[in-house]
PDB file of N, CA and C in Angstrom:
ATOM      1  N   UNK A   1       0.856  -1.110   0.060  1.00  0.00           N
ATOM      2  CA  UNK A   1       0.064  -0.061  -0.091  1.00  0.00           C
ATOM      3  C   UNK A   1       0.943   1.315   0.138  1.00  0.00           C
ATOM      4  N   UNK A   2       0.751   2.110  -0.982  1.00  0.00           N
ATOM      5  CA  UNK A   2       1.492   3.273  -1.026  1.00  0.00           C
ATOM      6  C   UNK A   2       1.068   4.507  -0.528  1.00  0.00           C
ATOM      7  N   UNK A   3      -0.294   4.520  -0.824  1.00  0.00           N
ATOM      8  CA  UNK A   3      -1.285   5.615  -0.243  1.00  0.00           C
ATOM      9  C   UNK A   3      -1.495   5.628   1.041  1.00  0.00           C
ATOM     10  N   UNK A   4      -1.425   6.631   1.876  1.00  0.00           N
ATOM     11  CA  UNK A   4      -1.763   6.669   3.256  1.00  0.00           C
ATOM     12  C   UNK A   4      -3.326   6.657   3.481  1.00  0.00           C
ATOM     13  N   UNK A   5      -3.652   5.945   4.534  1.00  0.00           N
ATOM     14  CA  UNK A   5      -5.088   5.960   4.900  1.00  0.00           C
ATOM     15  C   UNK A   5      -5.477   7.411   5.708  1.00  0.00           C
ATOM     16  N   UNK A   6      -6.646   7.780   5.763  1.00  0.00           N
ATOM     17  CA  UNK A   6      -7.047   8.971   6.245  1.00  0.00           C
ATOM     18  C   UNK A   6      -6.815   9.169   7.933  1.00  0.00           C
ATOM     19  N   UNK A   7      -7.325   7.969   8.708  1.00  0.00           N
ATOM     20  CA  UNK A   7      -7.393   8.332  10.143  1.00  0.00           C
ATOM     21  C   UNK A   7      -5.918   7.413  10.465  1.00  0.00           C
ATOM     22  N   UNK A   8      -5.210   8.210  10.891  1.00  0.00           N
ATOM     23  CA  UNK A   8      -3.991   7.540  11.636  1.00  0.00           C
ATOM     24  C   UNK A   8      -4.157   7.475  13.061  1.00  0.00           C
ATOM     25  N   UNK A   9      -4.472   6.499  13.599  1.00  0.00           N
ATOM     26  CA  UNK A   9      -4.390   6.467  15.037  1.00  0.00           C
ATOM     27  C   UNK A   9      -3.055   6.037  15.547  1.00  0.00           C
ATOM     28  N   UNK A  10      -2.091   6.776  15.537  1.00  0.00           N
ATOM     29  CA  UNK A  10      -0.722   6.656  15.693  1.00  0.00           C
ATOM     30  C   UNK A  10      -0.375   6.112  16.877  1.00  0.00           C
ATOM     31  N   UNK A  11      -0.191   4.754  17.208  1.00  0.00           N
ATOM     32  CA  UNK A  11       0.401   4.408  18.604  1.00  0.00           C
ATOM     33  C   UNK A  11       1.847   3.910  18.428  1.00  0.00           C
ATOM     34  N   UNK A  12       2.185   3.585  17.130  1.00  0.00           N
ATOM     35  CA  UNK A  12       3.614   2.938  16.986  1.00  0.00           C
ATOM     36  C   UNK A  12       4.391   4.158  16.234  1.00  0.00           C
ATOM     37  N   UNK A  13       5.738   3.967  15.982  1.00  0.00           N
ATOM     38  CA  UNK A  13       6.483   4.834  15.476  1.00  0.00           C
ATOM     39  C   UNK A  13       6.356   4.780  13.911  1.00  0.00           C
ATOM     40  N   UNK A  14       6.135   3.599  13.418  1.00  0.00           N
ATOM     41  CA  UNK A  14       5.800   3.588  12.068  1.00  0.00           C
ATOM     42  C   UNK A  14       4.588   2.648  11.866  1.00  0.00           C
ATOM     43  N   UNK A  15       3.359   3.367  11.997  1.00  0.00           N
ATOM     44  CA  UNK A  15       2.280   2.629  11.791  1.00  0.00           C
ATOM     45  C   UNK A  15       2.085   2.226  10.318  1.00  0.00           C
ATOM     46  N   UNK A  16       1.611   0.989   9.990  1.00  0.00           N
ATOM     47  CA  UNK A  16       1.359   0.432   8.722  1.00  0.00           C
ATOM     48  C   UNK A  16       0.445   1.210   7.901  1.00  0.00           C
ATOM     49  N   UNK A  17      -0.602   1.991   8.555  1.00  0.00           N
ATOM     50  CA  UNK A  17      -1.494   2.620   7.698  1.00  0.00           C
ATOM     51  C   UNK A  17      -1.024   4.100   7.148  1.00  0.00           C
ATOM     52  N   UNK A  18       0.431   4.275   7.485  1.00  0.00           N
ATOM     53  CA  UNK A  18       0.802   5.488   6.675  1.00  0.00           C
ATOM     54  C   UNK A  18       1.005   5.446   5.308  1.00  0.00           C
ATOM     55  N   UNK A  19       1.424   4.242   4.830  1.00  0.00           N
ATOM     56  CA  UNK A  19       1.744   3.889   3.368  1.00  0.00           C
ATOM     57  C   UNK A  19       3.202   3.856   3.332  1.00  0.00           C
ATOM     58  N   UNK A  20       3.603   3.293   2.328  1.00  0.00           N
ATOM     59  CA  UNK A  20       5.193   3.081   2.083  1.00  0.00           C
ATOM     60  C   UNK A  20       5.992   4.194   1.913  1.00  0.00           C
ATOM     61  N   UNK A  21       5.309   5.225   1.171  1.00  0.00           N
ATOM     62  CA  UNK A  21       6.181   6.399   0.928  1.00  0.00           C
ATOM     63  C   UNK A  21       6.218   7.241   1.977  1.00  0.00           C
ATOM     64  N   UNK A  22       5.175   7.263   2.940  1.00  0.00           N
ATOM     65  CA  UNK A  22       5.438   8.121   4.096  1.00  0.00           C
ATOM     66  C   UNK A  22       6.241   7.527   5.103  1.00  0.00           C
ATOM     67  N   UNK A  23       6.054   6.203   5.341  1.00  0.00           N
ATOM     68  CA  UNK A  23       7.154   5.599   6.147  1.00  0.00           C
ATOM     69  C   UNK A  23       8.631   5.712   5.683  1.00  0.00           C
ATOM     70  N   UNK A  24       8.750   5.589   4.360  1.00  0.00           N
ATOM     71  CA  UNK A  24       9.965   5.859   3.819  1.00  0.00           C
ATOM     72  C   UNK A  24      10.722   7.331   4.070  1.00  0.00           C
ATOM     73  N   UNK A  25       9.739   8.342   4.050  1.00  0.00           N
ATOM     74  CA  UNK A  25      10.075   9.716   4.287  1.00  0.00           C
ATOM     75  C   UNK A  25      10.327   9.893   5.729  1.00  0.00           C
ATOM     76  N   UNK A  26       9.674   9.224   6.549  1.00  0.00           N
ATOM     77  CA  UNK A  26       9.841   9.431   7.916  1.00  0.00           C
ATOM     78  C   UNK A  26      11.260   8.743   8.349  1.00  0.00           C
ATOM     79  N   UNK A  27      11.318   7.731   7.600  1.00  0.00           N
ATOM     80  CA  UNK A  27      12.691   6.985   8.052  1.00  0.00           C
ATOM     81  C   UNK A  27      13.883   7.713   7.643  1.00  0.00           C
ATOM     82  N   UNK A  28      13.615   8.267   6.473  1.00  0.00           N
ATOM     83  CA  UNK A  28      14.811   9.339   5.966  1.00  0.00           C
ATOM     84  C   UNK A  28      15.201  10.427   7.027  1.00  0.00           C
ATOM     85  N   UNK A  29      13.960  11.029   7.611  1.00  0.00           N
ATOM     86  CA  UNK A  29      14.032  12.148   8.553  1.00  0.00           C
ATOM     87  C   UNK A  29      14.615  11.615   9.650  1.00  0.00           C
ATOM     88  N   UNK A  30      14.369  10.584  10.198  1.00  0.00           N
ATOM     89  CA  UNK A  30      14.838   9.820  11.492  1.00  0.00           C
ATOM     90  C   UNK A  30      16.424   9.680  11.197  1.00  0.00           C
ATOM     91  N   UNK A  31      16.710   9.101  10.101  1.00  0.00           N
ATOM     92  CA  UNK A  31      18.283   8.840   9.816  1.00  0.00           C
ATOM     93  C   UNK A  31      18.962  10.174   9.826  1.00  0.00           C
ATOM     94  N   UNK A  32      18.351  11.217   9.316  1.00  0.00           N
ATOM     95  CA  UNK A  32      19.186  12.375   9.218  1.00  0.00           C
ATOM     96  C   UNK A  32      19.398  13.242  10.465  1.00  0.00           C
ATOM     97  N   UNK A  33      18.568  12.885  11.487  1.00  0.00           N
ATOM     98  CA  UNK A  33      18.752  13.506  12.813  1.00  0.00           C
ATOM     99  C   UNK A  33      20.175  13.193  13.635  1.00  0.00           C
ATOM    100  N   UNK A  34      20.773  14.251  14.038  1.00  0.00           N
ATOM    101  CA  UNK A  34      21.994  14.136  14.647  1.00  0.00           C
ATOM    102  C   UNK A  34      21.710  13.922  16.212  1.00  0.00           C
ATOM    103  N   UNK A  35      20.750  14.520  16.771  1.00  0.00           N
ATOM    104  CA  UNK A  35      20.559  14.570  18.170  1.00  0.00           C
ATOM    105  C   UNK A  35      19.071  13.842  18.450  1.00  0.00           C
ATOM    106  N   UNK A  36      19.097  12.677  18.977  1.00  0.00           N
ATOM    107  CA  UNK A  36      17.876  11.816  19.077  1.00  0.00           C
ATOM    108  C   UNK A  36      17.039  12.512  20.296  1.00  0.00           C
ATOM    109  N   UNK A  37      17.410  13.468  21.173  1.00  0.00           N
ATOM    110  CA  UNK A  37      16.670  14.036  22.224  1.00  0.00           C
ATOM    111  C   UNK A  37      15.654  14.993  21.607  1.00  0.00           C
ATOM    112  N   UNK A  38      15.670  15.238  20.289  1.00  0.00           N
ATOM    113  CA  UNK A  38      14.702  16.256  19.717  1.00  0.00           C
ATOM    114  C   UNK A  38      13.323  15.425  19.736  1.00  0.00           C
ATOM    115  N   UNK A  39      13.499  14.021  19.295  1.00  0.00           N
ATOM    116  CA  UNK A  39      12.252  13.296  19.264  1.00  0.00           C
ATOM    117  C   UNK A  39      11.715  12.913  20.697  1.00  0.00           C
ATOM    118  N   UNK A  40      12.773  12.507  21.472  1.00  0.00           N
ATOM    119  CA  UNK A  40      12.413  12.017  22.894  1.00  0.00           C
ATOM    120  C   UNK A  40      13.079  12.970  23.972  1.00  0.00           C
ATOM    121  N   UNK A  41      12.479  13.898  24.677  1.00  0.00           N
ATOM    122  CA  UNK A  41      13.351  14.785  25.630  1.00  0.00           C
ATOM    123  C   UNK A  41      13.821  13.964  26.707  1.00  0.00           C
ATOM    124  N   UNK A  42      13.281  12.850  26.925  1.00  0.00           N
ATOM    125  CA  UNK A  42      13.873  12.167  28.254  1.00  0.00           C
ATOM    126  C   UNK A  42      15.316  11.567  27.715  1.00  0.00           C
ATOM    127  N   UNK A  43      15.724  11.563  26.627  1.00  0.00           N
ATOM    128  CA  UNK A  43      16.889  11.093  26.308  1.00  0.00           C
ATOM    129  C   UNK A  43      18.100  11.902  26.743  1.00  0.00           C
ATOM    130  N   UNK A  44      17.821  13.267  26.774  1.00  0.00           N
ATOM    131  CA  UNK A  44      18.857  14.185  27.024  1.00  0.00           C
ATOM    132  C   UNK A  44      19.569  13.918  28.264  1.00  0.00           C
ATOM    133  N   UNK A  45      18.974  13.811  29.556  1.00  0.00           N
ATOM    134  CA  UNK A  45      19.634  13.313  30.580  1.00  0.00           C
ATOM    135  C   UNK A  45      20.433  12.127  30.629  1.00  0.00           C
ATOM    136  N   UNK A  46      19.957  11.049  29.873  1.00  0.00           N
ATOM    137  CA  UNK A  46      20.578  10.035  29.761  1.00  0.00           C
ATOM    138  C   UNK A  46      21.924  10.087  28.904  1.00  0.00           C
ATOM    139  N   UNK A  47      21.834  10.942  27.768  1.00  0.00           N
ATOM    140  CA  UNK A  47      22.942  11.150  27.016  1.00  0.00           C
ATOM    141  C   UNK A  47      24.194  11.960  27.989  1.00  0.00           C
ATOM    142  N   UNK A  48      23.572  12.703  28.774  1.00  0.00           N
ATOM    143  CA  UNK A  48      24.554  13.481  29.661  1.00  0.00           C
ATOM    144  C   UNK A  48      25.475  12.422  30.562  1.00  0.00           C
ATOM    145  N   UNK A  49      24.655  11.467  31.177  1.00  0.00           N
ATOM    146  CA  UNK A  49      25.226  10.657  31.918  1.00  0.00           C
ATOM    147  C   UNK A  49      26.009   9.679  31.140  1.00  0.00           C
ATOM    148  N   UNK A  50      25.646   9.375  29.843  1.00  0.00           N
ATOM    149  CA  UNK A  50      26.754   8.634  29.071  1.00  0.00           C
ATOM    150  C   UNK A  50      27.952   9.158  28.841  1.00  0.00           C
ATOM    151  N   UNK A  51      27.894  10.565  28.539  1.00  0.00           N
ATOM    152  CA  UNK A  51      28.938  11.303  28.245  1.00  0.00           C
ATOM    153  C   UNK A  51      29.931  11.527  29.330  1.00  0.00           C
ATOM    154  N   UNK A  52      29.285  11.455  30.735  1.00  0.00           N
ATOM    155  CA  UNK A  52      30.224  11.424  31.897  1.00  0.00           C
ATOM    156  C   UNK A  52      30.732  10.289  32.158  1.00  0.00           C
ATOM    157  N   UNK A  53      30.162   9.073  31.755  1.00  0.00           N
ATOM    158  CA  UNK A  53      30.727   7.683  31.980  1.00  0.00           C
ATOM    159  C   UNK A  53      31.834   7.557  31.029  1.00  0.00           C
ATOM    160  N   UNK A  54      31.685   8.091  29.772  1.00  0.00           N
ATOM    161  CA  UNK A  54      32.668   7.776  28.746  1.00  0.00           C
ATOM    162  C   UNK A  54      34.016   8.868  29.139  1.00  0.00           C
ATOM    163  N   UNK A  55      33.833   9.757  29.956  1.00  0.00           N
ATOM    164  CA  UNK A  55      34.885  10.444  30.172  1.00  0.00           C
ATOM    165  C   UNK A  55      35.867   9.690  31.271  1.00  0.00           C
ATOM    166  N   UNK A  56      35.352   8.800  31.838  1.00  0.00           N
ATOM    167  CA  UNK A  56      35.963   8.044  33.072  1.00  0.00           C
ATOM    168  C   UNK A  56      37.062   7.060  32.236  1.00  0.00           C
ATOM    169  N   UNK A  57      38.404   7.187  32.546  1.00  0.00           N
ATOM    170  CA  UNK A  57      39.304   6.420  31.780  1.00  0.00           C
ATOM    171  C   UNK A  57      39.917   5.357  32.601  1.00  0.00           C
ATOM    172  N   UNK A  58      38.914   4.575  33.107  1.00  0.00           N
ATOM    173  CA  UNK A  58      39.561   3.331  34.032  1.00  0.00           C
ATOM    174  C   UNK A  58      39.201   2.045  33.309  1.00  0.00           C
ATOM    175  N   UNK A  59      40.228   1.303  32.996  1.00  0.00           N
ATOM    176  CA  UNK A  59      39.838   0.229  32.176  1.00  0.00           C
ATOM    177  C   UNK A  59      39.364  -1.112  33.189  1.00  0.00           C
ATOM    178  N   UNK A  60      39.852  -0.885  34.756  1.00  0.00           N
ATOM    179  CA  UNK A  60      39.318  -2.029  35.485  1.00  0.00           C
ATOM    180  C   UNK A  60      37.907  -1.911  36.034  1.00  0.00           C
ATOM    181  N   UNK A  61      37.145  -0.947  35.791  1.00  0.00           N
ATOM    182  CA  UNK A  61      35.877  -0.868  36.169  1.00  0.00           C
ATOM    183  C   UNK A  61      34.788  -1.447  35.220  1.00  0.00           C
ATOM    184  N   UNK A  62      34.101  -2.313  35.824  1.00  0.00           N
ATOM    185  CA  UNK A  62      33.096  -2.906  34.893  1.00  0.00           C
ATOM    186  C   UNK A  62      31.662  -2.413  35.316  1.00  0.00           C
ATOM    187  N   UNK A  63      30.934  -1.978  34.401  1.00  0.00           N
ATOM    188  CA  UNK A  63      29.631  -1.363  34.758  1.00  0.00           C
ATOM    189  C   UNK A  63      28.514  -2.400  34.044  1.00  0.00           C
ATOM    190  N   UNK A  64      27.727  -2.896  34.894  1.00  0.00           N
ATOM    191  CA  UNK A  64      26.582  -3.851  34.607  1.00  0.00           C
ATOM    192  C   UNK A  64      25.310  -3.102  34.665  1.00  0.00           C
ATOM    193  N   UNK A  65      24.732  -3.021  33.470  1.00  0.00           N
ATOM    194  CA  UNK A  65      23.308  -2.551  33.666  1.00  0.00           C
ATOM    195  C   UNK A  65      22.241  -3.333  34.296  1.00  0.00           C
ATOM    196  N   UNK A  66      21.338  -2.807  34.977  1.00  0.00           N
ATOM    197  CA  UNK A  66      20.196  -3.360  35.508  1.00  0.00           C
ATOM    198  C   UNK A  66      18.873  -2.672  35.435  1.00  0.00           C
ATOM    199  N   UNK A  67      17.837  -3.610  35.528  1.00  0.00           N
ATOM    200  CA  UNK A  67      16.449  -2.863  35.466  1.00  0.00           C
ATOM    201  C   UNK A  67      15.710  -3.569  36.608  1.00  0.00           C
ATOM    202  N   UNK A  68      14.644  -2.616  36.895  1.00  0.00           N
ATOM    203  CA  UNK A  68      13.724  -3.030  37.916  1.00  0.00           C
ATOM    204  C   UNK A  68      12.426  -3.600  37.453  1.00  0.00           C
ATOM    205  N   UNK A  69      12.197  -4.924  37.941  1.00  0.00           N
ATOM    206  CA  UNK A  69      11.220  -5.581  37.438  1.00  0.00           C
ATOM    207  C   UNK A  69       9.671  -5.150  37.934  1.00  0.00           C
ATOM    208  N   UNK A  70       9.779  -4.855  39.160  1.00  0.00           N
ATOM    209  CA  UNK A  70       8.647  -4.416  39.856  1.00  0.00           C
ATOM    210  C   UNK A  70       8.836  -3.204  40.826  1.00  0.00           C
ATOM    211  N   UNK A  71       7.780  -2.251  40.855  1.00  0.00           N
ATOM    212  CA  UNK A  71       8.090  -1.104  41.756  1.00  0.00           C
ATOM    213  C   UNK A  71       8.033  -1.778  43.338  1.00  0.00           C
ATOM    214  N   UNK A  72       8.649  -0.997  44.281  1.00  0.00           N
ATOM    215  CA  UNK A  72       8.615  -1.299  45.560  1.00  0.00           C
ATOM    216  C   UNK A  72       7.237  -1.019  46.026  1.00  0.00           C
ATOM    217  N   UNK A  73       6.784  -1.906  47.018  1.00  0.00           N
ATOM    218  CA  UNK A  73       5.386  -1.743  47.635  1.00  0.00           C
ATOM    219  C   UNK A  73       5.434  -1.819  49.155  1.00  0.00           C
ATOM    220  N   UNK A  74       4.696  -1.232  49.998  1.00  0.00           N
ATOM    221  CA  UNK A  74       4.793  -1.309  51.276  1.00  0.00           C
ATOM    222  C   UNK A  74       4.148  -2.875  51.707  1.00  0.00           C
ATOM    223  N   UNK A  75       4.595  -3.346  52.627  1.00  0.00           N
ATOM    224  CA  UNK A  75       4.143  -4.769  53.112  1.00  0.00           C
ATOM    225  C   UNK A  75       2.597  -4.597  53.619  1.00  0.00           C
ATOM    226  N   UNK A  76       1.894  -5.641  53.643  1.00  0.00           N
ATOM    227  CA  UNK A  76       0.671  -5.665  54.065  1.00  0.00           C
ATOM    228  C   UNK A  76       0.727  -5.608  55.629  1.00  0.00           C
ATOM    229  N   UNK A  77       1.509  -6.391  56.088  1.00  0.00           N
ATOM    230  CA  UNK A  77       1.592  -6.459  57.671  1.00  0.00           C
ATOM    231  C   UNK A  77       3.049  -6.210  58.123  1.00  0.00           C
ATOM    232  N   UNK A  78       3.181  -5.823  59.474  1.00  0.00           N
ATOM    233  CA  UNK A  78       4.572  -5.463  59.935  1.00  0.00           C
ATOM    234  C   UNK A  78       5.365  -6.664  60.149  1.00  0.00           C
ATOM    235  N   UNK A  79       6.609  -6.748  60.028  1.00  0.00           N
ATOM    236  CA  UNK A  79       7.497  -7.757  60.394  1.00  0.00           C
ATOM    237  C   UNK A  79       7.716  -7.573  61.818  1.00  0.00           C
ATOM    238  N   UNK A  80       7.491  -8.882  62.474  1.00  0.00           N
ATOM    239  CA  UNK A  80       7.473  -8.500  64.078  1.00  0.00           C
ATOM    240  C   UNK A  80       7.849  -9.927  64.611  1.00  0.00           C
ATOM    241  N   UNK A  81       8.481  -9.764  65.816  1.00  0.00           N
ATOM    242  CA  UNK A  81       8.642 -11.290  66.537  1.00  0.00           C
ATOM    243  C   UNK A  81       7.380 -11.862  66.761  1.00  0.00           C
ATOM    244  N   UNK A  82       7.313 -13.008  66.759  1.00  0.00           N
ATOM    245  CA  UNK A  82       6.052 -13.888  67.187  1.00  0.00           C
ATOM    246  C   UNK A  82       6.139 -14.009  68.651  1.00  0.00           C
ATOM    247  N   UNK A  83       5.488 -12.990  69.425  1.00  0.00           N
ATOM    248  CA  UNK A  83       5.517 -13.275  70.825  1.00  0.00           C
ATOM    249  C   UNK A  83       4.906 -14.384  71.386  1.00  0.00           C
ATOM    250  N   UNK A  84       3.713 -14.724  70.944  1.00  0.00           N
ATOM    251  CA  UNK A  84       3.071 -15.817  71.498  1.00  0.00           C
ATOM    252  C   UNK A  84       3.981 -17.183  71.469  1.00  0.00           C
ATOM    253  N   UNK A  85       4.337 -17.266  70.140  1.00  0.00           N
ATOM    254  CA  UNK A  85       5.385 -18.628  69.951  1.00  0.00           C
ATOM    255  C   UNK A  85       6.532 -18.542  70.814  1.00  0.00           C
ATOM    256  N   UNK A  86       7.119 -17.399  71.124  1.00  0.00           N
ATOM    257  CA  UNK A  86       8.268 -17.297  72.001  1.00  0.00           C
ATOM    258  C   UNK A  86       7.807 -17.554  73.453  1.00  0.00           C
ATOM    259  N   UNK A  87       6.777 -17.049  73.872  1.00  0.00           N
ATOM    260  CA  UNK A  87       6.141 -17.307  75.067  1.00  0.00           C
ATOM    261  C   UNK A  87       6.036 -18.664  75.455  1.00  0.00           C
ATOM    262  N   UNK A  88       5.307 -19.509  74.497  1.00  0.00           N
ATOM    263  CA  UNK A  88       5.048 -20.867  74.572  1.00  0.00           C
ATOM    264  C   UNK A  88       6.188 -21.762  74.500  1.00  0.00           C
ATOM    265  N   UNK A  89       7.330 -21.439  73.640  1.00  0.00           N
ATOM    266  CA  UNK A  89       8.436 -22.222  73.675  1.00  0.00           C
ATOM    267  C   UNK A  89       9.303 -21.974  74.977  1.00  0.00           C
ATOM    268  N   UNK A  90       9.308 -20.785  75.263  1.00  0.00           N
ATOM    269  CA  UNK A  90       9.919 -20.466  76.647  1.00  0.00           C
ATOM    270  C   UNK A  90       9.458 -21.014  77.842  1.00  0.00           C
ATOM    271  N   UNK A  91       8.083 -21.281  77.849  1.00  0.00           N
ATOM    272  CA  UNK A  91       7.502 -21.946  78.973  1.00  0.00           C
ATOM    273  C   UNK A  91       7.591 -23.453  78.846  1.00  0.00           C
ATOM    274  N   UNK A  92       7.695 -24.057  77.757  1.00  0.00           N
ATOM    275  CA  UNK A  92       8.054 -25.559  77.611  1.00  0.00           C
ATOM    276  C   UNK A  92       9.409 -25.820  77.968  1.00  0.00           C
ATOM    277  N   UNK A  93      10.426 -24.920  77.241  1.00  0.00           N
ATOM    278  CA  UNK A  93      11.828 -25.075  77.708  1.00  0.00           C
ATOM    279  C   UNK A  93      12.071 -25.074  79.258  1.00  0.00           C
ATOM    280  N   UNK A  94      11.463 -24.077  79.827  1.00  0.00           N
ATOM    281  CA  UNK A  94      11.802 -23.726  81.266  1.00  0.00           C
ATOM    282  C   UNK A  94      11.249 -25.031  82.195  1.00  0.00           C
ATOM    283  N   UNK A  95       9.866 -25.473  81.613  1.00  0.00           N
ATOM    284  CA  UNK A  95       9.472 -26.642  82.289  1.00  0.00           C
ATOM    285  C   UNK A  95      10.132 -27.616  82.341  1.00  0.00           C
ATOM    286  N   UNK A  96      10.771 -28.055  81.009  1.00  0.00           N
ATOM    287  CA  UNK A  96      11.579 -29.368  80.804  1.00  0.00           C
ATOM    288  C   UNK A  96      12.900 -29.106  81.493  1.00  0.00           C
ATOM    289  N   UNK A  97      13.502 -27.864  81.548  1.00  0.00           N
ATOM    290  CA  UNK A  97      14.697 -27.577  82.231  1.00  0.00           C
ATOM    291  C   UNK A  97      14.353 -27.753  83.860  1.00  0.00           C
ATOM    292  N   UNK A  98      13.458 -27.169  84.271  1.00  0.00           N
ATOM    293  CA  UNK A  98      12.978 -27.496  85.736  1.00  0.00           C
ATOM    294  C   UNK A  98      12.871 -28.897  86.111  1.00  0.00           C
ATOM    295  N   UNK A  99      12.170 -29.542  85.338  1.00  0.00           N
ATOM    296  CA  UNK A  99      12.030 -30.966  85.766  1.00  0.00           C
ATOM    297  C   UNK A  99      13.229 -31.794  85.519  1.00  0.00           C
ATOM    298  N   UNK A 100      14.043 -31.428  84.582  1.00  0.00           N
ATOM    299  CA  UNK A 100      15.483 -32.159  84.485  1.00  0.00           C
ATOM    300  C   UNK A 100      16.398 -31.753  85.812  1.00  0.00           C
ATOM    301  N   UNK A 101      16.288 -30.647  86.320  1.00  0.00           N
ATOM    302  CA  UNK A 101      17.100 -30.059  87.491  1.00  0.00           C
ATOM    303  C   UNK A 101      16.567 -30.966  88.589  1.00  0.00           C
ATOM    304  N   UNK A 102      15.303 -31.010  88.958  1.00  0.00           N
ATOM    305  CA  UNK A 102      14.748 -31.783  89.928  1.00  0.00           C
ATOM    306  C   UNK A 102      14.959 -33.081  89.872  1.00  0.00           C
ATOM    307  N   UNK A 103      15.026 -33.767  88.726  1.00  0.00           N
ATOM    308  CA  UNK A 103      15.199 -35.230  88.611  1.00  0.00           C
ATOM    309  C   UNK A 103      16.712 -35.521  88.833  1.00  0.00           C
ATOM    310  N   UNK A 104      17.635 -34.579  88.396  1.00  0.00           N
ATOM    311  CA  UNK A 104      19.020 -34.879  88.704  1.00  0.00           C
ATOM    312  C   UNK A 104      19.435 -34.751  90.299  1.00  0.00           C
ATOM    313  N   UNK A 105      18.592 -33.758  90.902  1.00  0.00           N
ATOM    314  CA  UNK A 105      18.897 -33.664  92.268  1.00  0.00           C
ATOM    315  C   UNK A 105      18.494 -34.688  93.131  1.00  0.00           C
ATOM    316  N   UNK A 106      17.333 -35.205  92.701  1.00  0.00           N
ATOM    317  CA  UNK A 106      16.653 -36.391  93.312  1.00  0.00           C
ATOM    318  C   UNK A 106      17.483 -37.560  93.306  1.00  0.00           C
ATOM    319  N   UNK A 107      18.262 -37.747  92.022  1.00  0.00           N
ATOM    320  CA  UNK A 107      19.153 -38.888  91.883  1.00  0.00           C
ATOM    321  C   UNK A 107      20.287 -38.717  92.508  1.00  0.00           C
ATOM    322  N   UNK A 108      20.788 -37.697  92.797  1.00  0.00           N
ATOM    323  CA  UNK A 108      21.981 -37.529  93.798  1.00  0.00           C
ATOM    324  C   UNK A 108      21.794 -37.559  95.116  1.00  0.00           C
ATOM    325  N   UNK A 109      20.480 -37.161  95.428  1.00  0.00           N
ATOM    326  CA  UNK A 109      20.238 -37.145  97.133  1.00  0.00           C
ATOM    327  C   UNK A 109      20.266 -38.622  97.592  1.00  0.00           C
ATOM    328  N   UNK A 110      19.821 -39.532  96.727  1.00  0.00           N
ATOM    329  CA  UNK A 110      19.502 -40.907  97.193  1.00  0.00           C
ATOM    330  C   UNK A 110      20.698 -41.630  97.562  1.00  0.00           C
ATOM    331  N   UNK A 111      21.799 -41.124  97.242  1.00  0.00           N
ATOM    332  CA  UNK A 111      23.192 -41.878  97.560  1.00  0.00           C
ATOM    333  C   UNK A 111      23.343 -41.935  99.020  1.00  0.00           C
TER     334      UNK A 111
END
């Protein structure tokens, strides 16, 4: 299809409804651009950071890019010690230790 359609619901950079000649003209304009931040203003801070990184002349530094998969979210409940579990285990351990001490004292008193 060479001729463009009337309603261009442009969601993509090169929508197919533009027609071949319009896409070719748009591609030629994009290739002739020297500064990509004209099309995307958010690129200018990234380009400045890249220029700063390129000025660093250390060959032993390795930079590894990363991306965040999910945004951080606040937890639904607080992270806290389980007081009930600690109290039950403490009571059981104290009871067993008390019984053990009484049995050991009783065993040595019989002598």
